[in-house]
Amino acid sequence: MQKIGYRIIEEIKRPDPEIIEKLREFSTCDLCDGSVVYSSMDYLIKPFTSDKRIVGPAVTLKLPLGDSLLVTKALALCKPGDILVIDGRGSNNNALWGDHRSLSSILNGIEGVVMDGVFRDIESCEEIGFPIFARGYTCGSSTKNSHGEINIPITCGGAAVNPGDIIVGDKNGVCVIPAQYALEVMDNASKKIAKMSRLKEEILSTKKIIPDDMAESLRKLGY
């Protein structure tokens, strides 16, 4: 049994690749609506180096504050299509990622990285084009001499993330979908998309400012 603080789980259950491909058809806004309960990360975690939408299973990494030694080990456990999700405790002072890690990741087919923290080497990372979702970037480095844990439940940007959860990221932000609920979330999202399409047609044809259902809600509140 591994000691807490040093746990490394090498094998995780990944979702059906067909589910991943179907999810690519939806924006994070659509999927958050389909999740019913709020499922997005903190709004500050945004893409910095690529406009590519990322979709894939989470390999999770929990780091001690200010140290990024175990990022290398976590990347070695990632398979093509995986997304590395890093719990960096929201620190903005020490970069958890840089251009060498971006280069290694894109060459090995990793889908992207999402971190509750910051990265460095912005110009080189933009040139490489590997998708980085983070709180920002800094010139400050991190130490590389401490422990950490891989593929355990973590929190990233205020959202709970379990190994194998599906991560979706685009310009709007990042959302987390447990794989067992992916079909239900997509079904809910499709219904919401259809409803919004009808509403758009109504606005274009009638120039209404307040849709009928919202008008009724306002009446109930006395407006």
C-alpha atoms as a PDB file:
ATOM      1  CA  MET A   1       0.000   0.000   0.000  1.00  0.00           C
ATOM      2  CA  GLN A   2       1.443   3.357  -1.029  1.00  0.00           C
ATOM      3  CA  LYS A   3       1.800   6.111   1.556  1.00  0.00           C
ATOM      4  CA  ILE A   4      -0.475   9.113   1.264  1.00  0.00           C
ATOM      5  CA  GLY A   5       1.384  11.925  -0.424  1.00  0.00           C
ATOM      6  CA  TYR A   6       3.305   9.482  -2.624  1.00  0.00           C
ATOM      7  CA  ARG A   7       0.512   7.590  -4.399  1.00  0.00           C
ATOM      8  CA  ILE A   8       1.020   6.876  -8.113  1.00  0.00           C
ATOM      9  CA  ILE A   9      -1.696   4.940  -9.950  1.00  0.00           C
ATOM     10  CA  GLU A  10      -0.301   3.912 -13.322  1.00  0.00           C
ATOM     11  CA  GLU A  11      -3.425   2.464 -14.973  1.00  0.00           C
ATOM     12  CA  ILE A  12      -6.789   4.217 -15.229  1.00  0.00           C
ATOM     13  CA  LYS A  13     -10.082   3.425 -16.944  1.00  0.00           C
ATOM     14  CA  ARG A  14     -10.526   5.573 -20.037  1.00  0.00           C
ATOM     15  CA  PRO A  15     -13.879   6.300 -21.736  1.00  0.00           C
ATOM     16  CA  ASP A  16     -14.975   4.892 -25.086  1.00  0.00           C
ATOM     17  CA  PRO A  17     -13.202   6.844 -27.880  1.00  0.00           C
ATOM     18  CA  GLU A  18     -16.547   7.202 -29.677  1.00  0.00           C
ATOM     19  CA  ILE A  19     -17.876   9.185 -26.717  1.00  0.00           C
ATOM     20  CA  ILE A  20     -14.868  11.477 -26.925  1.00  0.00           C
ATOM     21  CA  GLU A  21     -15.504  12.139 -30.620  1.00  0.00           C
ATOM     22  CA  LYS A  22     -19.199  12.864 -30.049  1.00  0.00           C
ATOM     23  CA  LEU A  23     -18.324  15.368 -27.325  1.00  0.00           C
ATOM     24  CA  ARG A  24     -16.208  17.331 -29.803  1.00  0.00           C
ATOM     25  CA  GLU A  25     -19.441  18.500 -31.417  1.00  0.00           C
ATOM     26  CA  PHE A  26     -20.414  20.473 -28.299  1.00  0.00           C
ATOM     27  CA  SER A  27     -19.028  23.658 -26.789  1.00  0.00           C
ATOM     28  CA  THR A  28     -18.207  23.888 -23.095  1.00  0.00           C
ATOM     29  CA  CYS A  29     -21.240  26.166 -22.718  1.00  0.00           C
ATOM     30  CA  ASP A  30     -23.496  23.478 -24.198  1.00  0.00           C
ATOM     31  CA  LEU A  31     -22.022  20.793 -21.945  1.00  0.00           C
ATOM     32  CA  CYS A  32     -22.256  22.897 -18.799  1.00  0.00           C
ATOM     33  CA  ASP A  33     -25.954  23.418 -19.565  1.00  0.00           C
ATOM     34  CA  GLY A  34     -26.322  19.691 -20.145  1.00  0.00           C
ATOM     35  CA  SER A  35     -24.646  18.856 -16.845  1.00  0.00           C
ATOM     36  CA  VAL A  36     -27.484  20.603 -14.935  1.00  0.00           C
ATOM     37  CA  VAL A  37     -25.225  21.137 -11.894  1.00  0.00           C
ATOM     38  CA  TYR A  38     -22.340  23.579 -12.414  1.00  0.00           C
ATOM     39  CA  SER A  39     -19.375  21.666 -13.825  1.00  0.00           C
ATOM     40  CA  SER A  40     -16.935  24.318 -15.029  1.00  0.00           C
ATOM     41  CA  MET A  41     -13.557  25.312 -13.639  1.00  0.00           C
ATOM     42  CA  ASP A  42     -12.720  28.800 -12.408  1.00  0.00           C
ATOM     43  CA  TYR A  43     -13.153  31.400 -15.152  1.00  0.00           C
ATOM     44  CA  LEU A  44      -9.484  32.382 -14.972  1.00  0.00           C
ATOM     45  CA  ILE A  45      -8.373  29.016 -16.370  1.00  0.00           C
ATOM     46  CA  LYS A  46      -8.319  29.797 -20.082  1.00  0.00           C
ATOM     47  CA  PRO A  47      -6.409  28.751 -23.247  1.00  0.00           C
ATOM     48  CA  PHE A  48      -3.203  30.635 -23.973  1.00  0.00           C
ATOM     49  CA  THR A  49      -1.317  28.898 -26.772  1.00  0.00           C
ATOM     50  CA  SER A  50      -3.883  27.398 -29.141  1.00  0.00           C
ATOM     51  CA  ASP A  51      -7.496  27.875 -30.277  1.00  0.00           C
ATOM     52  CA  LYS A  52      -7.954  24.112 -30.532  1.00  0.00           C
ATOM     53  CA  ARG A  53     -10.845  22.629 -28.559  1.00  0.00           C
ATOM     54  CA  ILE A  54      -9.545  19.816 -26.377  1.00  0.00           C
ATOM     55  CA  VAL A  55     -11.510  16.733 -25.361  1.00  0.00           C
ATOM     56  CA  GLY A  56     -10.064  13.732 -23.568  1.00  0.00           C
ATOM     57  CA  PRO A  57      -9.757  11.666 -20.386  1.00  0.00           C
ATOM     58  CA  ALA A  58      -8.037  13.199 -17.388  1.00  0.00           C
ATOM     59  CA  VAL A  59      -4.746  12.001 -16.016  1.00  0.00           C
ATOM     60  CA  THR A  60      -4.649  13.798 -12.670  1.00  0.00           C
ATOM     61  CA  LEU A  61      -1.647  15.207 -10.852  1.00  0.00           C
ATOM     62  CA  LYS A  62      -1.488  16.735  -7.384  1.00  0.00           C
ATOM     63  CA  LEU A  63       1.602  18.813  -6.662  1.00  0.00           C
ATOM     64  CA  PRO A  64       3.017  20.417  -3.526  1.00  0.00           C
ATOM     65  CA  LEU A  65       3.014  24.205  -3.655  1.00  0.00           C
ATOM     66  CA  GLY A  66       5.781  25.569  -5.876  1.00  0.00           C
ATOM     67  CA  ASP A  67       7.273  22.251  -7.075  1.00  0.00           C
ATOM     68  CA  SER A  68       6.753  20.500 -10.414  1.00  0.00           C
ATOM     69  CA  LEU A  69       9.090  17.507 -10.352  1.00  0.00           C
ATOM     70  CA  LEU A  70       6.305  14.952 -10.802  1.00  0.00           C
ATOM     71  CA  VAL A  71       4.998  16.545 -14.015  1.00  0.00           C
ATOM     72  CA  THR A  72       7.580  14.502 -15.908  1.00  0.00           C
ATOM     73  CA  LYS A  73       6.404  11.253 -14.325  1.00  0.00           C
ATOM     74  CA  ALA A  74       2.756  12.093 -15.026  1.00  0.00           C
ATOM     75  CA  LEU A  75       3.518  12.827 -18.687  1.00  0.00           C
ATOM     76  CA  ALA A  76       5.206   9.441 -18.989  1.00  0.00           C
ATOM     77  CA  LEU A  77       1.937   7.808 -17.876  1.00  0.00           C
ATOM     78  CA  CYS A  78      -0.208   9.759 -20.361  1.00  0.00           C
ATOM     79  CA  LYS A  79      -1.400   8.006 -23.507  1.00  0.00           C
ATOM     80  CA  PRO A  80      -2.214   9.710 -26.827  1.00  0.00           C
ATOM     81  CA  GLY A  81      -5.440  11.677 -26.455  1.00  0.00           C
ATOM     82  CA  ASP A  82      -5.116  12.137 -22.683  1.00  0.00           C
ATOM     83  CA  ILE A  83      -5.345  15.503 -20.945  1.00  0.00           C
ATOM     84  CA  LEU A  84      -3.044  16.128 -17.995  1.00  0.00           C
ATOM     85  CA  VAL A  85      -4.912  17.973 -15.234  1.00  0.00           C
ATOM     86  CA  ILE A  86      -2.696  19.549 -12.585  1.00  0.00           C
ATOM     87  CA  ASP A  87      -3.763  20.639  -9.112  1.00  0.00           C
ATOM     88  CA  GLY A  88      -1.229  23.400  -8.492  1.00  0.00           C
ATOM     89  CA  ARG A  89      -3.329  24.962  -5.729  1.00  0.00           C
ATOM     90  CA  GLY A  90      -3.886  28.109  -7.760  1.00  0.00           C
ATOM     91  CA  SER A  91      -0.381  29.482  -7.274  1.00  0.00           C
ATOM     92  CA  ASN A  92       0.591  32.228  -9.721  1.00  0.00           C
ATOM     93  CA  ASN A  93       4.224  32.544  -8.636  1.00  0.00           C
ATOM     94  CA  ASN A  94       5.894  29.367  -9.876  1.00  0.00           C
ATOM     95  CA  ALA A  95       5.578  27.989 -13.415  1.00  0.00           C
ATOM     96  CA  LEU A  96       4.507  24.338 -13.510  1.00  0.00           C
ATOM     97  CA  TRP A  97       5.077  24.011 -17.250  1.00  0.00           C
ATOM     98  CA  GLY A  98       7.306  25.271 -20.036  1.00  0.00           C
ATOM     99  CA  ASP A  99       8.284  24.847 -23.665  1.00  0.00           C
ATOM    100  CA  HIS A 100      10.175  21.564 -23.254  1.00  0.00           C
ATOM    101  CA  ARG A 101       7.127  19.915 -21.700  1.00  0.00           C
ATOM    102  CA  SER A 102       4.938  21.319 -24.479  1.00  0.00           C
ATOM    103  CA  LEU A 103       7.263  19.923 -27.116  1.00  0.00           C
ATOM    104  CA  SER A 104       7.393  16.483 -25.498  1.00  0.00           C
ATOM    105  CA  SER A 105       3.623  16.413 -25.137  1.00  0.00           C
ATOM    106  CA  ILE A 106       2.760  17.374 -28.702  1.00  0.00           C
ATOM    107  CA  LEU A 107       5.243  14.816 -30.067  1.00  0.00           C
ATOM    108  CA  ASN A 108       3.606  12.093 -27.960  1.00  0.00           C
ATOM    109  CA  GLY A 109       0.033  12.880 -28.998  1.00  0.00           C
ATOM    110  CA  ILE A 110      -1.186  14.259 -25.673  1.00  0.00           C
ATOM    111  CA  GLU A 111      -4.362  16.285 -26.145  1.00  0.00           C
ATOM    112  CA  GLY A 112      -3.606  19.159 -23.791  1.00  0.00           C
ATOM    113  CA  VAL A 113      -2.776  20.261 -20.254  1.00  0.00           C
ATOM    114  CA  VAL A 114      -5.062  22.023 -17.784  1.00  0.00           C
ATOM    115  CA  MET A 115      -3.482  23.490 -14.666  1.00  0.00           C
ATOM    116  CA  ASP A 116      -4.632  25.343 -11.594  1.00  0.00           C
ATOM    117  CA  GLY A 117      -1.479  27.417 -11.805  1.00  0.00           C
ATOM    118  CA  VAL A 118       0.752  29.132 -14.347  1.00  0.00           C
ATOM    119  CA  PHE A 119       3.328  28.302 -17.010  1.00  0.00           C
ATOM    120  CA  ARG A 120       6.311  30.015 -18.657  1.00  0.00           C
ATOM    121  CA  ASP A 121       8.055  30.384 -22.053  1.00  0.00           C
ATOM    122  CA  ILE A 122       4.933  31.861 -23.612  1.00  0.00           C
ATOM    123  CA  GLU A 123       6.498  32.673 -27.013  1.00  0.00           C
ATOM    124  CA  SER A 124       7.998  29.213 -27.484  1.00  0.00           C
ATOM    125  CA  CYS A 125       4.831  27.519 -26.258  1.00  0.00           C
ATOM    126  CA  GLU A 126       2.753  29.512 -28.751  1.00  0.00           C
ATOM    127  CA  GLU A 127       5.097  28.474 -31.537  1.00  0.00           C
ATOM    128  CA  ILE A 128       4.816  24.808 -30.546  1.00  0.00           C
ATOM    129  CA  GLY A 129       1.025  25.125 -30.429  1.00  0.00           C
ATOM    130  CA  PHE A 130       0.379  22.571 -27.701  1.00  0.00           C
ATOM    131  CA  PRO A 131      -2.900  23.512 -25.928  1.00  0.00           C
ATOM    132  CA  ILE A 132      -2.264  24.969 -22.457  1.00  0.00           C
ATOM    133  CA  PHE A 133      -5.135  25.971 -20.185  1.00  0.00           C
ATOM    134  CA  ALA A 134      -3.896  27.851 -17.136  1.00  0.00           C
ATOM    135  CA  ARG A 135      -4.404  30.868 -14.888  1.00  0.00           C
ATOM    136  CA  GLY A 136      -1.667  32.773 -16.674  1.00  0.00           C
ATOM    137  CA  TYR A 137       2.044  32.806 -17.232  1.00  0.00           C
ATOM    138  CA  THR A 138       5.125  34.018 -15.370  1.00  0.00           C
ATOM    139  CA  CYS A 139       8.892  34.119 -15.695  1.00  0.00           C
ATOM    140  CA  GLY A 140       9.295  32.466 -12.279  1.00  0.00           C
ATOM    141  CA  SER A 141      10.334  28.823 -12.201  1.00  0.00           C
ATOM    142  CA  SER A 142       9.370  26.079  -9.768  1.00  0.00           C
ATOM    143  CA  THR A 143      11.566  23.775  -7.738  1.00  0.00           C
ATOM    144  CA  LYS A 144      11.902  20.172  -8.913  1.00  0.00           C
ATOM    145  CA  ASN A 145      12.773  18.133  -5.870  1.00  0.00           C
ATOM    146  CA  SER A 146       9.562  17.138  -4.100  1.00  0.00           C
ATOM    147  CA  HIS A 147       6.884  14.448  -4.114  1.00  0.00           C
ATOM    148  CA  GLY A 148       3.334  14.481  -5.446  1.00  0.00           C
ATOM    149  CA  GLU A 149       0.509  12.109  -6.425  1.00  0.00           C
ATOM    150  CA  ILE A 150      -0.749  10.866  -9.788  1.00  0.00           C
ATOM    151  CA  ASN A 151      -4.209   9.593 -10.739  1.00  0.00           C
ATOM    152  CA  ILE A 152      -5.979  10.335  -7.493  1.00  0.00           C
ATOM    153  CA  PRO A 153      -9.066  12.553  -7.068  1.00  0.00           C
ATOM    154  CA  ILE A 154      -8.045  16.233  -7.224  1.00  0.00           C
ATOM    155  CA  THR A 155      -9.532  19.701  -7.407  1.00  0.00           C
ATOM    156  CA  CYS A 156      -8.656  21.967 -10.313  1.00  0.00           C
ATOM    157  CA  GLY A 157     -10.117  25.450 -10.564  1.00  0.00           C
ATOM    158  CA  GLY A 158     -12.710  24.585  -7.945  1.00  0.00           C
ATOM    159  CA  ALA A 159     -13.969  21.536  -9.867  1.00  0.00           C
ATOM    160  CA  ALA A 160     -13.586  17.960  -8.680  1.00  0.00           C
ATOM    161  CA  VAL A 161     -11.666  15.836 -11.176  1.00  0.00           C
ATOM    162  CA  ASN A 162     -11.264  12.074 -11.001  1.00  0.00           C
ATOM    163  CA  PRO A 163      -8.884  10.043 -13.163  1.00  0.00           C
ATOM    164  CA  GLY A 164     -10.677   9.159 -16.406  1.00  0.00           C
ATOM    165  CA  ASP A 165     -13.205  12.005 -16.177  1.00  0.00           C
ATOM    166  CA  ILE A 166     -13.681  13.691 -19.534  1.00  0.00           C
ATOM    167  CA  ILE A 167     -12.207  17.164 -19.822  1.00  0.00           C
ATOM    168  CA  VAL A 168     -13.494  19.596 -22.438  1.00  0.00           C
ATOM    169  CA  GLY A 169     -11.775  22.934 -22.997  1.00  0.00           C
ATOM    170  CA  ASP A 170     -12.343  25.782 -25.455  1.00  0.00           C
ATOM    171  CA  LYS A 171     -12.273  29.586 -25.521  1.00  0.00           C
ATOM    172  CA  ASN A 172     -15.083  29.734 -22.956  1.00  0.00           C
ATOM    173  CA  GLY A 173     -13.180  27.698 -20.351  1.00  0.00           C
ATOM    174  CA  VAL A 174     -12.979  24.134 -19.084  1.00  0.00           C
ATOM    175  CA  CYS A 175     -15.680  21.725 -17.917  1.00  0.00           C
ATOM    176  CA  VAL A 176     -15.504  18.277 -16.334  1.00  0.00           C
ATOM    177  CA  ILE A 177     -17.812  15.392 -17.281  1.00  0.00           C
ATOM    178  CA  PRO A 178     -17.772  12.043 -15.459  1.00  0.00           C
ATOM    179  CA  ALA A 179     -17.614   9.462 -18.236  1.00  0.00           C
ATOM    180  CA  GLN A 180     -20.650   7.521 -16.965  1.00  0.00           C
ATOM    181  CA  TYR A 181     -22.840  10.605 -17.466  1.00  0.00           C
ATOM    182  CA  ALA A 182     -21.493  11.729 -20.843  1.00  0.00           C
ATOM    183  CA  LEU A 183     -24.418  10.411 -22.917  1.00  0.00           C
ATOM    184  CA  GLU A 184     -26.956  11.978 -20.569  1.00  0.00           C
ATOM    185  CA  VAL A 185     -25.111  15.295 -20.628  1.00  0.00           C
ATOM    186  CA  MET A 186     -25.008  15.298 -24.436  1.00  0.00           C
ATOM    187  CA  ASP A 187     -28.720  14.467 -24.631  1.00  0.00           C
ATOM    188  CA  ASN A 188     -29.539  17.350 -22.274  1.00  0.00           C
ATOM    189  CA  ALA A 189     -27.237  19.652 -24.227  1.00  0.00           C
ATOM    190  CA  SER A 190     -28.866  18.722 -27.543  1.00  0.00           C
ATOM    191  CA  LYS A 191     -32.302  19.574 -26.162  1.00  0.00           C
ATOM    192  CA  LYS A 192     -31.037  22.935 -24.906  1.00  0.00           C
ATOM    193  CA  ILE A 193     -29.415  23.689 -28.276  1.00  0.00           C
ATOM    194  CA  ALA A 194     -32.688  22.960 -30.064  1.00  0.00           C
ATOM    195  CA  LYS A 195     -34.578  25.198 -27.640  1.00  0.00           C
ATOM    196  CA  MET A 196     -32.103  28.048 -28.125  1.00  0.00           C
ATOM    197  CA  SER A 197     -32.353  27.644 -31.899  1.00  0.00           C
ATOM    198  CA  ARG A 198     -36.133  28.085 -31.711  1.00  0.00           C
ATOM    199  CA  LEU A 199     -35.670  31.090 -29.446  1.00  0.00           C
ATOM    200  CA  LYS A 200     -33.265  32.687 -31.910  1.00  0.00           C
ATOM    201  CA  GLU A 201     -35.814  32.261 -34.696  1.00  0.00           C
ATOM    202  CA  GLU A 202     -38.449  33.855 -32.466  1.00  0.00           C
ATOM    203  CA  ILE A 203     -36.217  36.835 -31.694  1.00  0.00           C
ATOM    204  CA  LEU A 204     -35.422  37.337 -35.376  1.00  0.00           C
ATOM    205  CA  SER A 205     -39.072  37.165 -36.412  1.00  0.00           C
ATOM    206  CA  THR A 206     -40.675  39.148 -33.554  1.00  0.00           C
ATOM    207  CA  LYS A 207     -37.779  41.292 -32.206  1.00  0.00           C
ATOM    208  CA  LYS A 208     -38.775  40.244 -28.694  1.00  0.00           C
ATOM    209  CA  ILE A 209     -36.352  41.173 -25.927  1.00  0.00           C
ATOM    210  CA  ILE A 210     -37.755  38.832 -23.288  1.00  0.00           C
ATOM    211  CA  PRO A 211     -38.707  35.258 -24.265  1.00  0.00           C
ATOM    212  CA  ASP A 212     -42.122  34.042 -23.140  1.00  0.00           C
ATOM    213  CA  ASP A 213     -40.769  31.678 -20.464  1.00  0.00           C
ATOM    214  CA  MET A 214     -38.621  34.414 -18.922  1.00  0.00           C
ATOM    215  CA  ALA A 215     -41.496  36.875 -19.052  1.00  0.00           C
ATOM    216  CA  GLU A 216     -43.604  34.429 -17.027  1.00  0.00           C
ATOM    217  CA  SER A 217     -40.848  34.038 -14.448  1.00  0.00           C
ATOM    218  CA  LEU A 218     -40.613  37.822 -14.125  1.00  0.00           C
ATOM    219  CA  ARG A 219     -44.396  38.068 -13.625  1.00  0.00           C
ATOM    220  CA  LYS A 220     -44.216  35.530 -10.793  1.00  0.00           C
ATOM    221  CA  LEU A 221     -41.650  37.750  -9.080  1.00  0.00           C
ATOM    222  CA  GLY A 222     -43.927  40.754  -9.452  1.00  0.00           C
ATOM    223  CA  TYR A 223     -42.233  42.540 -12.354  1.00  0.00           C
END
